Amino acid sequence: MPNADPEDEIAALARQAGELAAGEPLRSTLLAFAELLVARCARIGDRYGDWDENAGDHIRAVMYGIPDLPSKIPTDRESP
């Protein structure tokens, strides 16, 4: 779901996992859990790459559209 609103994407994933019924709104506690999980994954990813550009930055860019972070997945030619 690239370019989707992060909350919409989280809700869709929660529905896929059976945590939300179709049309059920995203609960604040489920959103908080998802954001904590994303942050944890990003912290793990911070160890891969360098301080200027790493996997954690990529996770944050994809999930939150943070400007100046690499949001696209590089092709084989662009990979280090």
PDB file of N, CA and C in Angstrom:
ATOM      1  N   MET A   1       0.814  -1.197   0.000  1.00  0.00           N
ATOM      2  CA  MET A   1       0.000   0.000   0.000  1.00  0.00           C
ATOM      3  C   MET A   1       0.856   1.258   0.000  1.00  0.00           C
ATOM      4  N   PRO A   2       1.732   1.430  -0.941  1.00  0.00           N
ATOM      5  CA  PRO A   2       2.568   2.614  -0.936  1.00  0.00           C
ATOM      6  C   PRO A   2       1.738   3.887  -1.049  1.00  0.00           C
ATOM      7  N   ASN A   3       2.201   4.931  -0.415  1.00  0.00           N
ATOM      8  CA  ASN A   3       1.581   6.246  -0.423  1.00  0.00           C
ATOM      9  C   ASN A   3       0.228   6.283   0.285  1.00  0.00           C
ATOM     10  N   ALA A   4      -0.137   5.239   0.987  1.00  0.00           N
ATOM     11  CA  ALA A   4      -1.380   5.246   1.761  1.00  0.00           C
ATOM     12  C   ALA A   4      -1.153   6.038   3.044  1.00  0.00           C
ATOM     13  N   ASP A   5      -2.236   6.567   3.583  1.00  0.00           N
ATOM     14  CA  ASP A   5      -2.161   7.225   4.874  1.00  0.00           C
ATOM     15  C   ASP A   5      -1.732   6.167   5.892  1.00  0.00           C
ATOM     16  N   PRO A   6      -0.743   6.454   6.742  1.00  0.00           N
ATOM     17  CA  PRO A   6      -0.273   5.439   7.694  1.00  0.00           C
ATOM     18  C   PRO A   6      -1.390   4.833   8.548  1.00  0.00           C
ATOM     19  N   GLU A   7      -2.333   5.646   9.001  1.00  0.00           N
ATOM     20  CA  GLU A   7      -3.421   5.100   9.814  1.00  0.00           C
ATOM     21  C   GLU A   7      -4.318   4.175   9.005  1.00  0.00           C
ATOM     22  N   ASP A   8      -4.571   4.519   7.741  1.00  0.00           N
ATOM     23  CA  ASP A   8      -5.366   3.640   6.874  1.00  0.00           C
ATOM     24  C   ASP A   8      -4.638   2.321   6.641  1.00  0.00           C
ATOM     25  N   GLU A   9      -3.334   2.415   6.444  1.00  0.00           N
ATOM     26  CA  GLU A   9      -2.533   1.210   6.217  1.00  0.00           C
ATOM     27  C   GLU A   9      -2.513   0.332   7.467  1.00  0.00           C
ATOM     28  N   ILE A  10      -2.365   0.943   8.622  1.00  0.00           N
ATOM     29  CA  ILE A  10      -2.380   0.191   9.876  1.00  0.00           C
ATOM     30  C   ILE A  10      -3.741  -0.474  10.079  1.00  0.00           C
ATOM     31  N   ALA A  11      -4.819   0.248   9.796  1.00  0.00           N
ATOM     32  CA  ALA A  11      -6.164  -0.320   9.929  1.00  0.00           C
ATOM     33  C   ALA A  11      -6.336  -1.502   8.970  1.00  0.00           C
ATOM     34  N   ALA A  12      -5.859  -1.369   7.741  1.00  0.00           N
ATOM     35  CA  ALA A  12      -5.971  -2.462   6.773  1.00  0.00           C
ATOM     36  C   ALA A  12      -5.194  -3.687   7.244  1.00  0.00           C
ATOM     37  N   LEU A  13      -4.012  -3.465   7.800  1.00  0.00           N
ATOM     38  CA  LEU A  13      -3.223  -4.586   8.315  1.00  0.00           C
ATOM     39  C   LEU A  13      -3.905  -5.227   9.521  1.00  0.00           C
ATOM     40  N   ALA A  14      -4.512  -4.405  10.374  1.00  0.00           N
ATOM     41  CA  ALA A  14      -5.235  -4.932  11.537  1.00  0.00           C
ATOM     42  C   ALA A  14      -6.432  -5.766  11.082  1.00  0.00           C
ATOM     43  N   ARG A  15      -7.105  -5.347  10.025  1.00  0.00           N
ATOM     44  CA  ARG A  15      -8.223  -6.132   9.477  1.00  0.00           C
ATOM     45  C   ARG A  15      -7.719  -7.447   8.899  1.00  0.00           C
ATOM     46  N   GLN A  16      -6.591  -7.379   8.220  1.00  0.00           N
ATOM     47  CA  GLN A  16      -5.995  -8.581   7.638  1.00  0.00           C
ATOM     48  C   GLN A  16      -5.622  -9.585   8.738  1.00  0.00           C
ATOM     49  N   ALA A  17      -5.182  -9.087   9.884  1.00  0.00           N
ATOM     50  CA  ALA A  17      -4.805  -9.952  11.011  1.00  0.00           C
ATOM     51  C   ALA A  17      -6.004 -10.377  11.849  1.00  0.00           C
ATOM     52  N   GLY A  18      -7.178  -9.828  11.545  1.00  0.00           N
ATOM     53  CA  GLY A  18      -8.377 -10.180  12.293  1.00  0.00           C
ATOM     54  C   GLY A  18      -8.592  -9.370  13.563  1.00  0.00           C
ATOM     55  N   GLU A  19      -7.854  -8.286  13.715  1.00  0.00           N
ATOM     56  CA  GLU A  19      -7.990  -7.424  14.895  1.00  0.00           C
ATOM     57  C   GLU A  19      -9.089  -6.385  14.751  1.00  0.00           C
ATOM     58  N   LEU A  20      -9.478  -6.092  13.530  1.00  0.00           N
ATOM     59  CA  LEU A  20     -10.566  -5.154  13.259  1.00  0.00           C
ATOM     60  C   LEU A  20     -11.521  -5.793  12.253  1.00  0.00           C
ATOM     61  N   ALA A  21     -12.794  -5.569  12.456  1.00  0.00           N
ATOM     62  CA  ALA A  21     -13.793  -6.021  11.491  1.00  0.00           C
ATOM     63  C   ALA A  21     -13.858  -5.010  10.343  1.00  0.00           C
ATOM     64  N   ALA A  22     -14.381  -5.425   9.221  1.00  0.00           N
ATOM     65  CA  ALA A  22     -14.547  -4.518   8.087  1.00  0.00           C
ATOM     66  C   ALA A  22     -15.367  -3.313   8.524  1.00  0.00           C
ATOM     67  N   GLY A  23     -14.872  -2.121   8.238  1.00  0.00           N
ATOM     68  CA  GLY A  23     -15.572  -0.894   8.582  1.00  0.00           C
ATOM     69  C   GLY A  23     -15.388  -0.437  10.023  1.00  0.00           C
ATOM     70  N   GLU A  24     -14.800  -1.266  10.859  1.00  0.00           N
ATOM     71  CA  GLU A  24     -14.567  -0.869  12.256  1.00  0.00           C
ATOM     72  C   GLU A  24     -13.431   0.156  12.299  1.00  0.00           C
ATOM     73  N   PRO A  25     -13.616   1.246  13.032  1.00  0.00           N
ATOM     74  CA  PRO A  25     -12.555   2.263  13.082  1.00  0.00           C
ATOM     75  C   PRO A  25     -11.343   1.760  13.870  1.00  0.00           C
ATOM     76  N   LEU A  26     -10.216   2.318  13.537  1.00  0.00           N
ATOM     77  CA  LEU A  26      -8.970   1.986  14.222  1.00  0.00           C
ATOM     78  C   LEU A  26      -9.019   2.508  15.651  1.00  0.00           C
ATOM     79  N   ARG A  27      -8.864   1.615  16.597  1.00  0.00           N
ATOM     80  CA  ARG A  27      -8.856   2.016  18.009  1.00  0.00           C
ATOM     81  C   ARG A  27      -7.547   2.723  18.341  1.00  0.00           C
ATOM     82  N   SER A  28      -7.608   3.679  19.235  1.00  0.00           N
ATOM     83  CA  SER A  28      -6.406   4.436  19.602  1.00  0.00           C
ATOM     84  C   SER A  28      -5.347   3.525  20.217  1.00  0.00           C
ATOM     85  N   THR A  29      -5.771   2.505  20.957  1.00  0.00           N
ATOM     86  CA  THR A  29      -4.798   1.597  21.566  1.00  0.00           C
ATOM     87  C   THR A  29      -4.103   0.741  20.516  1.00  0.00           C
ATOM     88  N   LEU A  30      -4.828   0.340  19.474  1.00  0.00           N
ATOM     89  CA  LEU A  30      -4.227  -0.445  18.404  1.00  0.00           C
ATOM     90  C   LEU A  30      -3.267   0.421  17.591  1.00  0.00           C
ATOM     91  N   LEU A  31      -3.643   1.666  17.359  1.00  0.00           N
ATOM     92  CA  LEU A  31      -2.749   2.594  16.665  1.00  0.00           C
ATOM     93  C   LEU A  31      -1.478   2.814  17.485  1.00  0.00           C
ATOM     94  N   ALA A  32      -1.624   3.007  18.786  1.00  0.00           N
ATOM     95  CA  ALA A  32      -0.461   3.206  19.655  1.00  0.00           C
ATOM     96  C   ALA A  32       0.458   1.990  19.609  1.00  0.00           C
ATOM     97  N   PHE A  33      -0.128   0.795  19.658  1.00  0.00           N
ATOM     98  CA  PHE A  33       0.678  -0.422  19.570  1.00  0.00           C
ATOM     99  C   PHE A  33       1.440  -0.468  18.252  1.00  0.00           C
ATOM    100  N   ALA A  34       0.759  -0.185  17.148  1.00  0.00           N
ATOM    101  CA  ALA A  34       1.396  -0.221  15.833  1.00  0.00           C
ATOM    102  C   ALA A  34       2.532   0.795  15.753  1.00  0.00           C
ATOM    103  N   GLU A  35       2.320   1.981  16.289  1.00  0.00           N
ATOM    104  CA  GLU A  35       3.369   2.997  16.246  1.00  0.00           C
ATOM    105  C   GLU A  35       4.565   2.607  17.101  1.00  0.00           C
ATOM    106  N   LEU A  36       4.322   1.969  18.239  1.00  0.00           N
ATOM    107  CA  LEU A  36       5.426   1.476  19.068  1.00  0.00           C
ATOM    108  C   LEU A  36       6.208   0.394  18.328  1.00  0.00           C
ATOM    109  N   LEU A  37       5.498  -0.464  17.621  1.00  0.00           N
ATOM    110  CA  LEU A  37       6.145  -1.524  16.859  1.00  0.00           C
ATOM    111  C   LEU A  37       6.962  -0.942  15.700  1.00  0.00           C
ATOM    112  N   VAL A  38       6.417   0.029  15.000  1.00  0.00           N
ATOM    113  CA  VAL A  38       7.151   0.687  13.917  1.00  0.00           C
ATOM    114  C   VAL A  38       8.413   1.354  14.474  1.00  0.00           C
ATOM    115  N   ALA A  39       8.286   2.037  15.600  1.00  0.00           N
ATOM    116  CA  ALA A  39       9.439   2.701  16.205  1.00  0.00           C
ATOM    117  C   ALA A  39      10.505   1.684  16.597  1.00  0.00           C
ATOM    118  N   ARG A  40      10.090   0.550  17.133  1.00  0.00           N
ATOM    119  CA  ARG A  40      11.036  -0.494  17.517  1.00  0.00           C
ATOM    120  C   ARG A  40      11.764  -1.028  16.288  1.00  0.00           C
ATOM    121  N   CYS A  41      11.022  -1.294  15.230  1.00  0.00           N
ATOM    122  CA  CYS A  41      11.636  -1.768  13.984  1.00  0.00           C
ATOM    123  C   CYS A  41      12.613  -0.737  13.432  1.00  0.00           C
ATOM    124  N   ALA A  42      12.229   0.531  13.481  1.00  0.00           N
ATOM    125  CA  ALA A  42      13.105   1.594  12.975  1.00  0.00           C
ATOM    126  C   ALA A  42      14.388   1.680  13.806  1.00  0.00           C
ATOM    127  N   ARG A  43      14.269   1.520  15.123  1.00  0.00           N
ATOM    128  CA  ARG A  43      15.473   1.544  15.966  1.00  0.00           C
ATOM    129  C   ARG A  43      16.397   0.387  15.620  1.00  0.00           C
ATOM    130  N   ILE A  44      15.833  -0.776  15.335  1.00  0.00           N
ATOM    131  CA  ILE A  44      16.657  -1.904  14.895  1.00  0.00           C
ATOM    132  C   ILE A  44      17.332  -1.559  13.573  1.00  0.00           C
ATOM    133  N   GLY A  45      16.565  -0.975  12.649  1.00  0.00           N
ATOM    134  CA  GLY A  45      17.090  -0.607  11.343  1.00  0.00           C
ATOM    135  C   GLY A  45      18.151   0.471  11.397  1.00  0.00           C
ATOM    136  N   ASP A  46      18.172   1.262  12.464  1.00  0.00           N
ATOM    137  CA  ASP A  46      19.189   2.314  12.595  1.00  0.00           C
ATOM    138  C   ASP A  46      20.603   1.734  12.615  1.00  0.00           C
ATOM    139  N   ARG A  47      20.723   0.472  12.934  1.00  0.00           N
ATOM    140  CA  ARG A  47      22.045  -0.168  13.006  1.00  0.00           C
ATOM    141  C   ARG A  47      22.556  -0.591  11.634  1.00  0.00           C
ATOM    142  N   TYR A  48      21.718  -0.483  10.592  1.00  0.00           N
ATOM    143  CA  TYR A  48      22.088  -0.955   9.262  1.00  0.00           C
ATOM    144  C   TYR A  48      22.163   0.214   8.298  1.00  0.00           C
ATOM    145  N   GLY A  49      23.358   0.496   7.855  1.00  0.00           N
ATOM    146  CA  GLY A  49      23.611   1.639   6.999  1.00  0.00           C
ATOM    147  C   GLY A  49      24.556   2.576   7.730  1.00  0.00           C
ATOM    148  N   ASP A  50      24.420   3.857   7.478  1.00  0.00           N
ATOM    149  CA  ASP A  50      25.245   4.823   8.201  1.00  0.00           C
ATOM    150  C   ASP A  50      24.337   5.836   8.880  1.00  0.00           C
ATOM    151  N   TRP A  51      24.922   6.815   9.532  1.00  0.00           N
ATOM    152  CA  TRP A  51      24.116   7.780  10.295  1.00  0.00           C
ATOM    153  C   TRP A  51      23.280   8.677   9.401  1.00  0.00           C
ATOM    154  N   ASP A  52      23.716   8.847   8.149  1.00  0.00           N
ATOM    155  CA  ASP A  52      22.980   9.719   7.237  1.00  0.00           C
ATOM    156  C   ASP A  52      21.815   9.025   6.544  1.00  0.00           C
ATOM    157  N   GLU A  53      21.925   7.719   6.356  1.00  0.00           N
ATOM    158  CA  GLU A  53      20.893   6.990   5.622  1.00  0.00           C
ATOM    159  C   GLU A  53      20.975   5.524   6.034  1.00  0.00           C
ATOM    160  N   ASN A  54      19.905   5.043   6.657  1.00  0.00           N
ATOM    161  CA  ASN A  54      19.927   3.657   7.105  1.00  0.00           C
ATOM    162  C   ASN A  54      18.525   3.055   7.004  1.00  0.00           C
ATOM    163  N   ALA A  55      18.422   1.794   7.361  1.00  0.00           N
ATOM    164  CA  ALA A  55      17.133   1.096   7.264  1.00  0.00           C
ATOM    165  C   ALA A  55      16.074   1.733   8.163  1.00  0.00           C
ATOM    166  N   GLY A  56      16.476   2.214   9.331  1.00  0.00           N
ATOM    167  CA  GLY A  56      15.523   2.883  10.218  1.00  0.00           C
ATOM    168  C   GLY A  56      14.933   4.130   9.575  1.00  0.00           C
ATOM    169  N   ASP A  57      15.774   4.891   8.890  1.00  0.00           N
ATOM    170  CA  ASP A  57      15.297   6.068   8.168  1.00  0.00           C
ATOM    171  C   ASP A  57      14.290   5.665   7.093  1.00  0.00           C
ATOM    172  N   HIS A  58      14.585   4.577   6.412  1.00  0.00           N
ATOM    173  CA  HIS A  58      13.695   4.111   5.345  1.00  0.00           C
ATOM    174  C   HIS A  58      12.337   3.710   5.930  1.00  0.00           C
ATOM    175  N   ILE A  59      12.351   3.007   7.052  1.00  0.00           N
ATOM    176  CA  ILE A  59      11.089   2.614   7.700  1.00  0.00           C
ATOM    177  C   ILE A  59      10.273   3.855   8.062  1.00  0.00           C
ATOM    178  N   ARG A  60      10.912   4.842   8.664  1.00  0.00           N
ATOM    179  CA  ARG A  60      10.203   6.069   9.047  1.00  0.00           C
ATOM    180  C   ARG A  60       9.657   6.799   7.821  1.00  0.00           C
ATOM    181  N   ALA A  61      10.436   6.823   6.752  1.00  0.00           N
ATOM    182  CA  ALA A  61       9.997   7.513   5.529  1.00  0.00           C
ATOM    183  C   ALA A  61       8.781   6.833   4.918  1.00  0.00           C
ATOM    184  N   VAL A  62       8.799   5.510   4.874  1.00  0.00           N
ATOM    185  CA  VAL A  62       7.681   4.782   4.281  1.00  0.00           C
ATOM    186  C   VAL A  62       6.439   4.917   5.150  1.00  0.00           C
ATOM    187  N   MET A  63       6.581   4.773   6.451  1.00  0.00           N
ATOM    188  CA  MET A  63       5.419   4.783   7.336  1.00  0.00           C
ATOM    189  C   MET A  63       4.888   6.184   7.624  1.00  0.00           C
ATOM    190  N   TYR A  64       5.754   7.158   7.643  1.00  0.00           N
ATOM    191  CA  TYR A  64       5.321   8.491   8.053  1.00  0.00           C
ATOM    192  C   TYR A  64       5.607   9.584   7.041  1.00  0.00           C
ATOM    193  N   GLY A  65       6.206   9.230   5.902  1.00  0.00           N
ATOM    194  CA  GLY A  65       6.466  10.222   4.866  1.00  0.00           C
ATOM    195  C   GLY A  65       7.328  11.370   5.339  1.00  0.00           C
ATOM    196  N   ILE A  66       8.283  11.072   6.207  1.00  0.00           N
ATOM    197  CA  ILE A  66       9.160  12.127   6.732  1.00  0.00           C
ATOM    198  C   ILE A  66      10.023  12.651   5.591  1.00  0.00           C
ATOM    199  N   PRO A  67       9.988  13.948   5.344  1.00  0.00           N
ATOM    200  CA  PRO A  67      10.784  14.506   4.244  1.00  0.00           C
ATOM    201  C   PRO A  67      12.268  14.256   4.435  1.00  0.00           C
ATOM    202  N   ASP A  68      12.974  14.226   3.333  1.00  0.00           N
ATOM    203  CA  ASP A  68      14.422  14.077   3.297  1.00  0.00           C
ATOM    204  C   ASP A  68      14.895  12.698   3.729  1.00  0.00           C
ATOM    205  N   LEU A  69      13.995  11.733   3.804  1.00  0.00           N
ATOM    206  CA  LEU A  69      14.394  10.369   4.085  1.00  0.00           C
ATOM    207  C   LEU A  69      14.112   9.526   2.854  1.00  0.00           C
ATOM    208  N   PRO A  70      14.903   8.491   2.642  1.00  0.00           N
ATOM    209  CA  PRO A  70      14.732   7.680   1.431  1.00  0.00           C
ATOM    210  C   PRO A  70      13.475   6.828   1.509  1.00  0.00           C
ATOM    211  N   SER A  71      12.420   7.199   0.790  1.00  0.00           N
ATOM    212  CA  SER A  71      11.169   6.465   0.867  1.00  0.00           C
ATOM    213  C   SER A  71      11.036   5.408  -0.222  1.00  0.00           C
ATOM    214  N   LYS A  72      11.891   5.464  -1.250  1.00  0.00           N
ATOM    215  CA  LYS A  72      11.768   4.453  -2.294  1.00  0.00           C
ATOM    216  C   LYS A  72      12.809   3.358  -2.069  1.00  0.00           C
ATOM    217  N   ILE A  73      12.441   2.165  -2.479  1.00  0.00           N
ATOM    218  CA  ILE A  73      13.354   1.053  -2.365  1.00  0.00           C
ATOM    219  C   ILE A  73      14.318   1.103  -3.536  1.00  0.00           C
ATOM    220  N   PRO A  74      15.630   1.088  -3.264  1.00  0.00           N
ATOM    221  CA  PRO A  74      16.582   1.187  -4.359  1.00  0.00           C
ATOM    222  C   PRO A  74      16.582  -0.062  -5.229  1.00  0.00           C
ATOM    223  N   THR A  75      16.920   0.141  -6.495  1.00  0.00           N
ATOM    224  CA  THR A  75      17.090  -1.002  -7.387  1.00  0.00           C
ATOM    225  C   THR A  75      18.455  -1.612  -7.114  1.00  0.00           C
ATOM    226  N   ASP A  76      18.734  -2.747  -7.723  1.00  0.00           N
ATOM    227  CA  ASP A  76      20.035  -3.393  -7.527  1.00  0.00           C
ATOM    228  C   ASP A  76      21.189  -2.469  -7.909  1.00  0.00           C
ATOM    229  N   ARG A  77      20.975  -1.670  -8.937  1.00  0.00           N
ATOM    230  CA  ARG A  77      22.045  -0.758  -9.369  1.00  0.00           C
ATOM    231  C   ARG A  77      22.266   0.367  -8.369  1.00  0.00           C
ATOM    232  N   GLU A  78      21.232   0.714  -7.617  1.00  0.00           N
ATOM    233  CA  GLU A  78      21.349   1.816  -6.657  1.00  0.00           C
ATOM    234  C   GLU A  78      21.823   1.341  -5.295  1.00  0.00           C
ATOM    235  N   SER A  79      21.807   0.039  -5.047  1.00  0.00           N
ATOM    236  CA  SER A  79      22.196  -0.490  -3.755  1.00  0.00           C
ATOM    237  C   SER A  79      23.687  -0.326  -3.545  1.00  0.00           C
ATOM    238  N   PRO A  80      24.085  -0.113  -2.298  1.00  0.00           N
ATOM    239  CA  PRO A  80      25.521   0.020  -2.018  1.00  0.00           C
ATOM    240  C   PRO A  80      26.258  -1.283  -2.238  1.00  0.00           C
TER     241      PRO A  80
END
